Amino acid sequence: MQQRKEISILLPVYNRVCVGMVARLKELCDDVEGLRYEIIAADDGSADRDAVARNKAIGRMEGCRYVVRDTNSGAAATRNFLTGISRYRWLLFVDCDMSVPDDWFIHRYLEAPEAGVVSGGMRTGGKAADARRSLRCAYERRAQERHTAAERRRHPYQAFRSVNFMAERSVMESCPFDERMRRYEDVMFGRRLEENGVTVCHIDNPLVMDDFESNTRFVEKTEKDMLTLREFYSDMKGYSRMIDITEALSRRRMLWAVKAWHRLFGQAERRLLIGKKAHLRIYDAYKLGFFATCGAGGASVFAPCHGSAGGSVSDNE
């Protein structure tokens, strides 16, 4: 196909300084001859006022805007808002806590095959020491093989993640993100794309995750994800490996054992998880137990989690 000649690059922002990310994207756009572009970062009611103040530098860059929203509405609402205020046909959504690995990131999207949605994917950076200490780093590294384009193409809708994708404006207007959801909104979006017959093309054009939250924060996000998954259980069937596992255990009359284990040892598991070492097997057990019990009054520990960037902690690995 002929190379695309216009693009709106859209970044949902929450409690992050993303001036460097915007400057990098602008640099890559400026290198494409004749490209019409805009870059818009929308702050989702950040509590970190210093980050908001520093991000105002974005508005002083040519072709860039920084919009501050008064209240925290969540990633789904922020992406829909960005769609509404953007101007070009092709909309590139990128999470602001990622990094661009090379100089061809924009080129690959402009030259991607014709499709309603093009997903570039992600890969995990960091050092070996990060994987030993950081639960998020270890988790993402374990799932790395599932992030390749070849693997994502096997299940194009279930594998969709909102961290890095381009969509045609008409798609975003007809299939907006579900604003009821503060987590798993990208998985629900993938389902909507399939239901509406929108073609999803997966390419190898990843952003890099090399900034990892604390283990405490990661566990809190996981708990929030599991509560959201429980709330939207019927909507997420067929798109969540966690639901598949728990239903299989239930059919085999083994789910009671998972619940009993979590009620006995869940608190101890959580204390280990928020420590200074990454324990993936314990994390898997805790996550399964938390989900199995959270619909029956068994969610013993949960700290609320807010924010727009980063997407859900996928259970599809």
C-alpha atoms as a PDB file:
ATOM      1  CA  MET A   1       0.000   0.000   0.000  1.00  0.00           C
ATOM      2  CA  GLN A   2       0.982   3.648  -0.354  1.00  0.00           C
ATOM      3  CA  GLN A   3       2.679   5.114   2.710  1.00  0.00           C
ATOM      4  CA  ARG A   4       0.344   6.948   5.061  1.00  0.00           C
ATOM      5  CA  LYS A   5       0.872  10.712   4.999  1.00  0.00           C
ATOM      6  CA  GLU A   6      -0.827  11.839   8.206  1.00  0.00           C
ATOM      7  CA  ILE A   7      -0.988  10.649  11.785  1.00  0.00           C
ATOM      8  CA  SER A   8      -2.158  11.769  15.220  1.00  0.00           C
ATOM      9  CA  ILE A   9       0.023  10.408  18.028  1.00  0.00           C
ATOM     10  CA  LEU A  10      -1.924  10.203  21.280  1.00  0.00           C
ATOM     11  CA  LEU A  11      -0.580   9.606  24.793  1.00  0.00           C
ATOM     12  CA  PRO A  12      -2.706   9.096  27.919  1.00  0.00           C
ATOM     13  CA  VAL A  13      -0.704  10.393  30.886  1.00  0.00           C
ATOM     14  CA  TYR A  14      -1.033   9.882  34.625  1.00  0.00           C
ATOM     15  CA  ASN A  15       1.565  10.935  37.200  1.00  0.00           C
ATOM     16  CA  ARG A  16       4.360  10.698  34.629  1.00  0.00           C
ATOM     17  CA  VAL A  17       6.756  13.167  33.055  1.00  0.00           C
ATOM     18  CA  CYS A  18       6.659  12.362  29.343  1.00  0.00           C
ATOM     19  CA  VAL A  19       8.449  15.340  27.791  1.00  0.00           C
ATOM     20  CA  GLY A  20      11.308  13.121  26.606  1.00  0.00           C
ATOM     21  CA  MET A  21       8.948  10.580  25.029  1.00  0.00           C
ATOM     22  CA  VAL A  22       7.083  13.313  23.142  1.00  0.00           C
ATOM     23  CA  ALA A  23      10.333  14.921  21.989  1.00  0.00           C
ATOM     24  CA  ARG A  24      11.549  11.563  20.672  1.00  0.00           C
ATOM     25  CA  LEU A  25       8.313  10.925  18.773  1.00  0.00           C
ATOM     26  CA  LYS A  26       8.413  14.445  17.337  1.00  0.00           C
ATOM     27  CA  GLU A  27      11.996  13.899  16.177  1.00  0.00           C
ATOM     28  CA  LEU A  28      10.976  10.730  14.323  1.00  0.00           C
ATOM     29  CA  CYS A  29       7.988  12.456  12.713  1.00  0.00           C
ATOM     30  CA  ASP A  30      10.136  15.383  11.588  1.00  0.00           C
ATOM     31  CA  ASP A  31      12.413  12.908   9.807  1.00  0.00           C
ATOM     32  CA  VAL A  32       9.546  11.732   7.547  1.00  0.00           C
ATOM     33  CA  GLU A  33       9.343  14.015   4.541  1.00  0.00           C
ATOM     34  CA  GLY A  34       5.891  15.458   3.945  1.00  0.00           C
ATOM     35  CA  LEU A  35       4.286  13.866   7.012  1.00  0.00           C
ATOM     36  CA  ARG A  36       1.381  15.774   8.540  1.00  0.00           C
ATOM     37  CA  TYR A  37       1.277  14.984  12.228  1.00  0.00           C
ATOM     38  CA  GLU A  38       0.215  16.100  15.666  1.00  0.00           C
ATOM     39  CA  ILE A  39       1.187  14.782  19.084  1.00  0.00           C
ATOM     40  CA  ILE A  40      -1.303  15.159  21.930  1.00  0.00           C
ATOM     41  CA  ALA A  41      -0.669  14.148  25.536  1.00  0.00           C
ATOM     42  CA  ALA A  42      -3.756  14.149  27.775  1.00  0.00           C
ATOM     43  CA  ASP A  43      -3.234  14.174  31.524  1.00  0.00           C
ATOM     44  CA  ASP A  44      -5.883  12.139  33.336  1.00  0.00           C
ATOM     45  CA  GLY A  45      -6.243  14.214  36.498  1.00  0.00           C
ATOM     46  CA  SER A  46      -2.770  13.482  37.866  1.00  0.00           C
ATOM     47  CA  ALA A  47      -2.211  13.932  41.582  1.00  0.00           C
ATOM     48  CA  ASP A  48       1.493  14.638  40.946  1.00  0.00           C
ATOM     49  CA  ARG A  49       1.365  18.383  40.320  1.00  0.00           C
ATOM     50  CA  ASP A  50       5.108  18.575  39.694  1.00  0.00           C
ATOM     51  CA  ALA A  51       4.721  16.130  36.784  1.00  0.00           C
ATOM     52  CA  VAL A  52       1.851  18.226  35.415  1.00  0.00           C
ATOM     53  CA  ALA A  53       3.950  21.386  35.614  1.00  0.00           C
ATOM     54  CA  ARG A  54       6.934  19.783  33.881  1.00  0.00           C
ATOM     55  CA  ASN A  55       4.764  18.303  31.132  1.00  0.00           C
ATOM     56  CA  LYS A  56       3.572  21.772  30.150  1.00  0.00           C
ATOM     57  CA  ALA A  57       6.794  22.007  28.148  1.00  0.00           C
ATOM     58  CA  ILE A  58       5.079  19.711  25.622  1.00  0.00           C
ATOM     59  CA  GLY A  59       2.738  22.529  24.635  1.00  0.00           C
ATOM     60  CA  ARG A  60       5.730  24.644  23.622  1.00  0.00           C
ATOM     61  CA  MET A  61       6.867  22.093  21.037  1.00  0.00           C
ATOM     62  CA  GLU A  62       5.708  22.733  17.491  1.00  0.00           C
ATOM     63  CA  GLY A  63       2.908  20.381  16.481  1.00  0.00           C
ATOM     64  CA  CYS A  64       2.345  19.181  20.056  1.00  0.00           C
ATOM     65  CA  ARG A  65      -0.356  19.745  22.656  1.00  0.00           C
ATOM     66  CA  TYR A  66      -0.658  18.994  26.352  1.00  0.00           C
ATOM     67  CA  VAL A  67      -4.204  18.840  27.715  1.00  0.00           C
ATOM     68  CA  VAL A  68      -4.920  18.583  31.444  1.00  0.00           C
ATOM     69  CA  ARG A  69      -8.196  17.004  32.539  1.00  0.00           C
ATOM     70  CA  ASP A  70      -9.585  17.946  35.927  1.00  0.00           C
ATOM     71  CA  THR A  71     -10.617  14.493  37.143  1.00  0.00           C
ATOM     72  CA  ASN A  72      -9.163  11.005  36.915  1.00  0.00           C
ATOM     73  CA  SER A  73     -11.432   9.129  34.489  1.00  0.00           C
ATOM     74  CA  GLY A  74      -9.266   6.124  33.592  1.00  0.00           C
ATOM     75  CA  ALA A  75      -7.373   5.019  30.504  1.00  0.00           C
ATOM     76  CA  ALA A  76     -10.466   4.058  28.504  1.00  0.00           C
ATOM     77  CA  ALA A  77     -12.092   7.470  28.879  1.00  0.00           C
ATOM     78  CA  THR A  78      -8.792   9.254  28.213  1.00  0.00           C
ATOM     79  CA  ARG A  79      -8.203   7.371  24.962  1.00  0.00           C
ATOM     80  CA  ASN A  80     -11.747   8.129  23.828  1.00  0.00           C
ATOM     81  CA  PHE A  81     -11.183  11.781  24.737  1.00  0.00           C
ATOM     82  CA  LEU A  82      -7.975  11.845  22.695  1.00  0.00           C
ATOM     83  CA  THR A  83      -9.824  10.398  19.716  1.00  0.00           C
ATOM     84  CA  GLY A  84     -12.354  13.207  19.961  1.00  0.00           C
ATOM     85  CA  ILE A  85      -9.826  16.053  19.973  1.00  0.00           C
ATOM     86  CA  SER A  86      -7.438  14.645  17.347  1.00  0.00           C
ATOM     87  CA  ARG A  87      -7.622  15.605  13.683  1.00  0.00           C
ATOM     88  CA  TYR A  88      -6.042  13.029  11.366  1.00  0.00           C
ATOM     89  CA  ARG A  89      -7.269   9.753   9.880  1.00  0.00           C
ATOM     90  CA  TRP A  90      -4.690   7.495  11.547  1.00  0.00           C
ATOM     91  CA  LEU A  91      -4.440   7.499  15.330  1.00  0.00           C
ATOM     92  CA  LEU A  92      -1.353   6.077  17.042  1.00  0.00           C
ATOM     93  CA  PHE A  93      -1.841   5.383  20.754  1.00  0.00           C
ATOM     94  CA  VAL A  94       1.300   4.893  22.843  1.00  0.00           C
ATOM     95  CA  ASP A  95       1.721   4.513  26.592  1.00  0.00           C
ATOM     96  CA  CYS A  96       3.918   7.229  28.025  1.00  0.00           C
ATOM     97  CA  ASP A  97       5.879   4.941  30.352  1.00  0.00           C
ATOM     98  CA  MET A  98       7.466   3.039  27.468  1.00  0.00           C
ATOM     99  CA  SER A  99      10.503   3.900  25.319  1.00  0.00           C
ATOM    100  CA  VAL A 100      11.117   3.925  21.567  1.00  0.00           C
ATOM    101  CA  PRO A 101      13.864   1.430  20.657  1.00  0.00           C
ATOM    102  CA  ASP A 102      15.028   2.717  17.261  1.00  0.00           C
ATOM    103  CA  ASP A 103      14.638   5.356  14.545  1.00  0.00           C
ATOM    104  CA  TRP A 104      12.148   3.369  12.429  1.00  0.00           C
ATOM    105  CA  PHE A 105       9.227   3.205  14.835  1.00  0.00           C
ATOM    106  CA  ILE A 106       7.071   5.765  12.991  1.00  0.00           C
ATOM    107  CA  HIS A 107       8.142   4.532   9.538  1.00  0.00           C
ATOM    108  CA  ARG A 108       6.944   0.994  10.287  1.00  0.00           C
ATOM    109  CA  TYR A 109       3.491   2.226  11.194  1.00  0.00           C
ATOM    110  CA  LEU A 110       3.238   4.483   8.161  1.00  0.00           C
ATOM    111  CA  GLU A 111       4.165   1.550   5.904  1.00  0.00           C
ATOM    112  CA  ALA A 112       2.125  -1.131   7.710  1.00  0.00           C
ATOM    113  CA  PRO A 113      -0.436  -3.207   5.774  1.00  0.00           C
ATOM    114  CA  GLU A 114      -3.937  -1.831   5.385  1.00  0.00           C
ATOM    115  CA  ALA A 115      -6.045  -2.748   8.428  1.00  0.00           C
ATOM    116  CA  GLY A 116      -8.488  -1.112  10.791  1.00  0.00           C
ATOM    117  CA  VAL A 117      -6.058  -1.653  13.668  1.00  0.00           C
ATOM    118  CA  VAL A 118      -2.299  -2.239  13.579  1.00  0.00           C
ATOM    119  CA  SER A 119      -0.663  -3.473  16.781  1.00  0.00           C
ATOM    120  CA  GLY A 120       3.081  -3.006  17.245  1.00  0.00           C
ATOM    121  CA  GLY A 121       3.444  -4.907  20.494  1.00  0.00           C
ATOM    122  CA  MET A 122       5.988  -4.527  23.262  1.00  0.00           C
ATOM    123  CA  ARG A 123       9.146  -6.120  24.564  1.00  0.00           C
ATOM    124  CA  THR A 124      10.776  -6.135  27.961  1.00  0.00           C
ATOM    125  CA  GLY A 125      14.025  -4.314  28.617  1.00  0.00           C
ATOM    126  CA  GLY A 126      15.897  -3.975  31.868  1.00  0.00           C
ATOM    127  CA  LYS A 127      18.893  -5.831  33.247  1.00  0.00           C
ATOM    128  CA  ALA A 128      19.227  -9.331  34.657  1.00  0.00           C
ATOM    129  CA  ALA A 129      19.259  -7.864  38.153  1.00  0.00           C
ATOM    130  CA  ASP A 130      15.870  -6.267  37.476  1.00  0.00           C
ATOM    131  CA  ALA A 131      14.341  -9.681  36.782  1.00  0.00           C
ATOM    132  CA  ARG A 132      15.655 -10.987  40.111  1.00  0.00           C
ATOM    133  CA  ARG A 133      14.223  -8.097  42.110  1.00  0.00           C
ATOM    134  CA  SER A 134      11.281  -6.789  40.097  1.00  0.00           C
ATOM    135  CA  LEU A 135       8.161  -8.936  39.932  1.00  0.00           C
ATOM    136  CA  ARG A 136       6.884  -6.972  36.931  1.00  0.00           C
ATOM    137  CA  CYS A 137      10.147  -7.393  35.027  1.00  0.00           C
ATOM    138  CA  ALA A 138      10.272 -11.136  35.740  1.00  0.00           C
ATOM    139  CA  TYR A 139       6.610 -11.528  34.776  1.00  0.00           C
ATOM    140  CA  GLU A 140       6.985  -9.685  31.467  1.00  0.00           C
ATOM    141  CA  ARG A 141      10.206 -11.510  30.585  1.00  0.00           C
ATOM    142  CA  ARG A 142       8.506 -14.848  31.108  1.00  0.00           C
ATOM    143  CA  ALA A 143       5.722 -13.770  28.747  1.00  0.00           C
ATOM    144  CA  GLN A 144       8.114 -12.309  26.150  1.00  0.00           C
ATOM    145  CA  GLU A 145       7.625 -15.048  23.551  1.00  0.00           C
ATOM    146  CA  ARG A 146       3.906 -14.302  23.494  1.00  0.00           C
ATOM    147  CA  HIS A 147       4.598 -10.678  22.564  1.00  0.00           C
ATOM    148  CA  THR A 148       6.075 -11.456  19.130  1.00  0.00           C
ATOM    149  CA  ALA A 149       3.969 -10.617  16.087  1.00  0.00           C
ATOM    150  CA  ALA A 150       3.962 -14.254  14.958  1.00  0.00           C
ATOM    151  CA  GLU A 151       2.527 -15.386  18.284  1.00  0.00           C
ATOM    152  CA  ARG A 152       0.006 -12.546  18.492  1.00  0.00           C
ATOM    153  CA  ARG A 153      -1.288 -13.346  15.003  1.00  0.00           C
ATOM    154  CA  ARG A 154      -2.440 -16.768  16.237  1.00  0.00           C
ATOM    155  CA  HIS A 155      -5.151 -15.048  18.303  1.00  0.00           C
ATOM    156  CA  PRO A 156      -5.269 -11.501  16.925  1.00  0.00           C
ATOM    157  CA  TYR A 157      -8.150 -10.200  19.036  1.00  0.00           C
ATOM    158  CA  GLN A 158      -7.343 -11.915  22.325  1.00  0.00           C
ATOM    159  CA  ALA A 159      -3.706 -10.780  22.004  1.00  0.00           C
ATOM    160  CA  PHE A 160      -4.543  -7.104  21.496  1.00  0.00           C
ATOM    161  CA  ARG A 161      -3.009  -4.711  24.025  1.00  0.00           C
ATOM    162  CA  SER A 162      -3.441  -0.947  24.089  1.00  0.00           C
ATOM    163  CA  VAL A 163       0.157  -0.123  24.986  1.00  0.00           C
ATOM    164  CA  ASN A 164       1.145   0.527  21.349  1.00  0.00           C
ATOM    165  CA  PHE A 165      -1.301   0.458  18.440  1.00  0.00           C
ATOM    166  CA  MET A 166      -2.550   2.453  15.469  1.00  0.00           C
ATOM    167  CA  ALA A 167      -6.206   2.598  14.447  1.00  0.00           C
ATOM    168  CA  GLU A 168      -8.224   4.253  11.747  1.00  0.00           C
ATOM    169  CA  ARG A 169     -10.373   7.068  13.091  1.00  0.00           C
ATOM    170  CA  SER A 170     -13.591   5.421  11.912  1.00  0.00           C
ATOM    171  CA  VAL A 171     -12.734   2.335  13.987  1.00  0.00           C
ATOM    172  CA  MET A 172     -12.200   4.337  17.172  1.00  0.00           C
ATOM    173  CA  GLU A 173     -15.435   6.226  16.609  1.00  0.00           C
ATOM    174  CA  SER A 174     -17.499   3.095  15.998  1.00  0.00           C
ATOM    175  CA  CYS A 175     -15.729   0.901  18.609  1.00  0.00           C
ATOM    176  CA  PRO A 176     -14.709   3.185  21.481  1.00  0.00           C
ATOM    177  CA  PHE A 177     -13.116   1.861  24.653  1.00  0.00           C
ATOM    178  CA  ASP A 178     -15.590   0.770  27.328  1.00  0.00           C
ATOM    179  CA  GLU A 179     -15.409   3.559  29.900  1.00  0.00           C
ATOM    180  CA  ARG A 180     -16.966   1.417  32.629  1.00  0.00           C
ATOM    181  CA  MET A 181     -13.661  -0.410  32.937  1.00  0.00           C
ATOM    182  CA  ARG A 182     -10.604   0.940  34.753  1.00  0.00           C
ATOM    183  CA  ARG A 183      -8.653  -2.247  33.984  1.00  0.00           C
ATOM    184  CA  TYR A 184      -8.886  -4.809  31.175  1.00  0.00           C
ATOM    185  CA  GLU A 185     -10.276  -2.128  28.882  1.00  0.00           C
ATOM    186  CA  ASP A 186      -7.883  -3.245  26.141  1.00  0.00           C
ATOM    187  CA  VAL A 187      -9.092  -6.855  26.326  1.00  0.00           C
ATOM    188  CA  MET A 188     -12.700  -5.699  26.051  1.00  0.00           C
ATOM    189  CA  PHE A 189     -11.702  -3.490  23.119  1.00  0.00           C
ATOM    190  CA  GLY A 190     -10.216  -6.543  21.370  1.00  0.00           C
ATOM    191  CA  ARG A 191     -13.530  -8.323  21.808  1.00  0.00           C
ATOM    192  CA  ARG A 192     -15.416  -5.370  20.318  1.00  0.00           C
ATOM    193  CA  LEU A 193     -13.094  -5.352  17.320  1.00  0.00           C
ATOM    194  CA  GLU A 194     -13.817  -9.018  16.664  1.00  0.00           C
ATOM    195  CA  GLU A 195     -17.563  -8.575  17.087  1.00  0.00           C
ATOM    196  CA  ASN A 196     -17.517  -5.712  14.580  1.00  0.00           C
ATOM    197  CA  GLY A 197     -15.347  -7.528  12.042  1.00  0.00           C
ATOM    198  CA  VAL A 198     -12.451  -5.070  12.281  1.00  0.00           C
ATOM    199  CA  THR A 199      -9.193  -6.454  10.889  1.00  0.00           C
ATOM    200  CA  VAL A 200      -6.288  -6.412  13.365  1.00  0.00           C
ATOM    201  CA  CYS A 201      -2.791  -6.629  11.885  1.00  0.00           C
ATOM    202  CA  HIS A 202       0.045  -7.521  14.271  1.00  0.00           C
ATOM    203  CA  ILE A 203       3.524  -6.328  13.303  1.00  0.00           C
ATOM    204  CA  ASP A 204       6.919  -6.358  15.003  1.00  0.00           C
ATOM    205  CA  ASN A 205       7.244  -2.691  15.965  1.00  0.00           C
ATOM    206  CA  PRO A 206       7.497  -2.826  19.745  1.00  0.00           C
ATOM    207  CA  LEU A 207       7.847  -0.212  22.368  1.00  0.00           C
ATOM    208  CA  VAL A 208      10.153  -1.210  25.214  1.00  0.00           C
ATOM    209  CA  MET A 209       9.155  -1.565  28.854  1.00  0.00           C
ATOM    210  CA  ASP A 210      12.223  -0.719  30.901  1.00  0.00           C
ATOM    211  CA  ASP A 211      10.718   1.168  33.827  1.00  0.00           C
ATOM    212  CA  PHE A 212       9.158  -1.175  36.370  1.00  0.00           C
ATOM    213  CA  GLU A 213       6.873  -0.279  39.250  1.00  0.00           C
ATOM    214  CA  SER A 214       7.546  -1.511  42.769  1.00  0.00           C
ATOM    215  CA  ASN A 215       6.481  -5.021  43.726  1.00  0.00           C
ATOM    216  CA  THR A 216       3.842  -3.566  46.039  1.00  0.00           C
ATOM    217  CA  ARG A 217       2.377  -1.499  43.224  1.00  0.00           C
ATOM    218  CA  PHE A 218       2.411  -4.456  40.839  1.00  0.00           C
ATOM    219  CA  VAL A 219       0.560  -6.676  43.306  1.00  0.00           C
ATOM    220  CA  GLU A 220      -2.012  -3.928  43.880  1.00  0.00           C
ATOM    221  CA  LYS A 221      -2.551  -3.612  40.120  1.00  0.00           C
ATOM    222  CA  THR A 222      -2.957  -7.374  39.837  1.00  0.00           C
ATOM    223  CA  GLU A 223      -5.594  -7.352  42.576  1.00  0.00           C
ATOM    224  CA  LYS A 224      -7.436  -4.542  40.838  1.00  0.00           C
ATOM    225  CA  ASP A 225      -7.303  -6.501  37.576  1.00  0.00           C
ATOM    226  CA  MET A 226      -8.745  -9.602  39.205  1.00  0.00           C
ATOM    227  CA  LEU A 227     -11.604  -7.643  40.766  1.00  0.00           C
ATOM    228  CA  THR A 228     -12.378  -6.081  37.383  1.00  0.00           C
ATOM    229  CA  LEU A 229     -12.230  -9.489  35.723  1.00  0.00           C
ATOM    230  CA  ARG A 230     -14.681 -10.829  38.298  1.00  0.00           C
ATOM    231  CA  GLU A 231     -17.028  -7.866  37.788  1.00  0.00           C
ATOM    232  CA  PHE A 232     -17.086  -8.327  34.009  1.00  0.00           C
ATOM    233  CA  TYR A 233     -16.827 -12.117  34.109  1.00  0.00           C
ATOM    234  CA  SER A 234     -19.467 -12.868  31.466  1.00  0.00           C
ATOM    235  CA  ASP A 235     -18.076 -10.244  29.080  1.00  0.00           C
ATOM    236  CA  MET A 236     -14.526 -11.575  29.373  1.00  0.00           C
ATOM    237  CA  LYS A 237     -15.187 -15.298  28.865  1.00  0.00           C
ATOM    238  CA  GLY A 238     -13.135 -16.546  25.944  1.00  0.00           C
ATOM    239  CA  TYR A 239     -10.663 -13.667  26.325  1.00  0.00           C
ATOM    240  CA  SER A 240      -9.138 -14.494  29.700  1.00  0.00           C
ATOM    241  CA  ARG A 241      -6.898 -17.436  30.503  1.00  0.00           C
ATOM    242  CA  MET A 242      -7.648 -16.913  34.195  1.00  0.00           C
ATOM    243  CA  ILE A 243     -11.343 -17.555  33.601  1.00  0.00           C
ATOM    244  CA  ASP A 244     -10.506 -20.624  31.509  1.00  0.00           C
ATOM    245  CA  ILE A 245      -8.329 -22.032  34.307  1.00  0.00           C
ATOM    246  CA  THR A 246     -10.840 -21.455  37.097  1.00  0.00           C
ATOM    247  CA  GLU A 247     -13.687 -22.950  35.082  1.00  0.00           C
ATOM    248  CA  ALA A 248     -11.569 -26.013  34.295  1.00  0.00           C
ATOM    249  CA  LEU A 249     -10.739 -26.410  37.998  1.00  0.00           C
ATOM    250  CA  SER A 250     -14.406 -25.995  38.874  1.00  0.00           C
ATOM    251  CA  ARG A 251     -15.449 -28.715  36.426  1.00  0.00           C
ATOM    252  CA  ARG A 252     -12.903 -31.038  38.021  1.00  0.00           C
ATOM    253  CA  ARG A 253     -14.142 -30.069  41.490  1.00  0.00           C
ATOM    254  CA  MET A 254     -10.698 -28.787  42.445  1.00  0.00           C
ATOM    255  CA  LEU A 255     -11.440 -25.083  42.825  1.00  0.00           C
ATOM    256  CA  TRP A 256     -12.305 -25.513  46.490  1.00  0.00           C
ATOM    257  CA  ALA A 257      -8.677 -26.452  47.174  1.00  0.00           C
ATOM    258  CA  VAL A 258      -7.427 -23.241  45.536  1.00  0.00           C
ATOM    259  CA  LYS A 259      -9.825 -21.191  47.658  1.00  0.00           C
ATOM    260  CA  ALA A 260      -8.842 -22.998  50.843  1.00  0.00           C
ATOM    261  CA  TRP A 261      -5.135 -22.515  50.117  1.00  0.00           C
ATOM    262  CA  HIS A 262      -5.605 -18.794  49.495  1.00  0.00           C
ATOM    263  CA  ARG A 263      -7.576 -18.265  52.686  1.00  0.00           C
ATOM    264  CA  LEU A 264      -4.872 -20.052  54.666  1.00  0.00           C
ATOM    265  CA  PHE A 265      -1.732 -18.742  52.975  1.00  0.00           C
ATOM    266  CA  GLY A 266      -2.745 -15.742  50.833  1.00  0.00           C
ATOM    267  CA  GLN A 267      -1.550 -13.162  53.355  1.00  0.00           C
ATOM    268  CA  ALA A 268       1.826 -14.887  53.704  1.00  0.00           C
ATOM    269  CA  GLU A 269       2.176 -15.118  49.919  1.00  0.00           C
ATOM    270  CA  ARG A 270       1.438 -11.424  49.577  1.00  0.00           C
ATOM    271  CA  ARG A 271       4.104 -10.491  52.121  1.00  0.00           C
ATOM    272  CA  LEU A 272       6.677 -12.427  50.098  1.00  0.00           C
ATOM    273  CA  LEU A 273       5.539 -10.863  46.827  1.00  0.00           C
ATOM    274  CA  ILE A 274       5.959  -7.276  48.003  1.00  0.00           C
ATOM    275  CA  GLY A 275       9.473  -8.024  49.256  1.00  0.00           C
ATOM    276  CA  LYS A 276      12.798  -7.506  47.494  1.00  0.00           C
ATOM    277  CA  LYS A 277      12.813 -10.659  45.347  1.00  0.00           C
ATOM    278  CA  ALA A 278      10.626 -11.758  42.439  1.00  0.00           C
ATOM    279  CA  HIS A 279       8.724 -14.987  43.177  1.00  0.00           C
ATOM    280  CA  LEU A 280       6.805 -15.881  40.024  1.00  0.00           C
ATOM    281  CA  ARG A 281       5.411 -19.209  41.201  1.00  0.00           C
ATOM    282  CA  ILE A 282       4.094 -17.631  44.368  1.00  0.00           C
ATOM    283  CA  TYR A 283       2.679 -14.801  42.274  1.00  0.00           C
ATOM    284  CA  ASP A 284       0.824 -17.292  40.065  1.00  0.00           C
ATOM    285  CA  ALA A 285      -0.649 -19.037  43.106  1.00  0.00           C
ATOM    286  CA  TYR A 286      -1.643 -15.767  44.755  1.00  0.00           C
ATOM    287  CA  LYS A 287      -3.236 -14.386  41.598  1.00  0.00           C
ATOM    288  CA  LEU A 288      -5.279 -17.544  41.017  1.00  0.00           C
ATOM    289  CA  GLY A 289      -6.346 -17.716  44.646  1.00  0.00           C
ATOM    290  CA  PHE A 290      -7.278 -14.053  44.767  1.00  0.00           C
ATOM    291  CA  PHE A 291      -9.448 -14.382  41.665  1.00  0.00           C
ATOM    292  CA  ALA A 292     -11.067 -17.600  42.868  1.00  0.00           C
ATOM    293  CA  THR A 293     -12.070 -16.054  46.191  1.00  0.00           C
ATOM    294  CA  CYS A 294     -12.769 -12.415  45.328  1.00  0.00           C
ATOM    295  CA  GLY A 295     -16.285 -13.245  44.150  1.00  0.00           C
ATOM    296  CA  ALA A 296     -17.110 -14.892  47.439  1.00  0.00           C
ATOM    297  CA  GLY A 297     -15.900 -12.378  49.975  1.00  0.00           C
ATOM    298  CA  GLY A 298     -12.381 -13.777  49.972  1.00  0.00           C
ATOM    299  CA  ALA A 299     -10.468 -10.756  48.663  1.00  0.00           C
ATOM    300  CA  SER A 300      -8.669 -10.220  51.936  1.00  0.00           C
ATOM    301  CA  VAL A 301      -6.217  -7.549  50.862  1.00  0.00           C
ATOM    302  CA  PHE A 302      -6.691  -4.806  48.300  1.00  0.00           C
ATOM    303  CA  ALA A 303      -5.228  -1.352  48.005  1.00  0.00           C
ATOM    304  CA  PRO A 304      -6.988   0.880  45.444  1.00  0.00           C
ATOM    305  CA  CYS A 305      -5.048   1.564  42.281  1.00  0.00           C
ATOM    306  CA  HIS A 306      -5.548   4.498  39.935  1.00  0.00           C
ATOM    307  CA  GLY A 307      -3.965   5.602  36.703  1.00  0.00           C
ATOM    308  CA  SER A 308      -4.096   5.637  32.955  1.00  0.00           C
ATOM    309  CA  ALA A 309      -0.814   4.393  31.636  1.00  0.00           C
ATOM    310  CA  GLY A 310       0.511   0.867  31.503  1.00  0.00           C
ATOM    311  CA  GLY A 311      -2.552  -1.165  30.646  1.00  0.00           C
ATOM    312  CA  SER A 312      -3.766  -4.223  32.474  1.00  0.00           C
ATOM    313  CA  VAL A 313      -1.555  -6.968  33.823  1.00  0.00           C
ATOM    314  CA  SER A 314      -2.416  -9.602  31.226  1.00  0.00           C
ATOM    315  CA  ASP A 315      -3.476 -13.048  32.392  1.00  0.00           C
ATOM    316  CA  ASN A 316      -3.059 -14.494  28.910  1.00  0.00           C
ATOM    317  CA  GLU A 317       0.497 -15.745  29.222  1.00  0.00           C
END
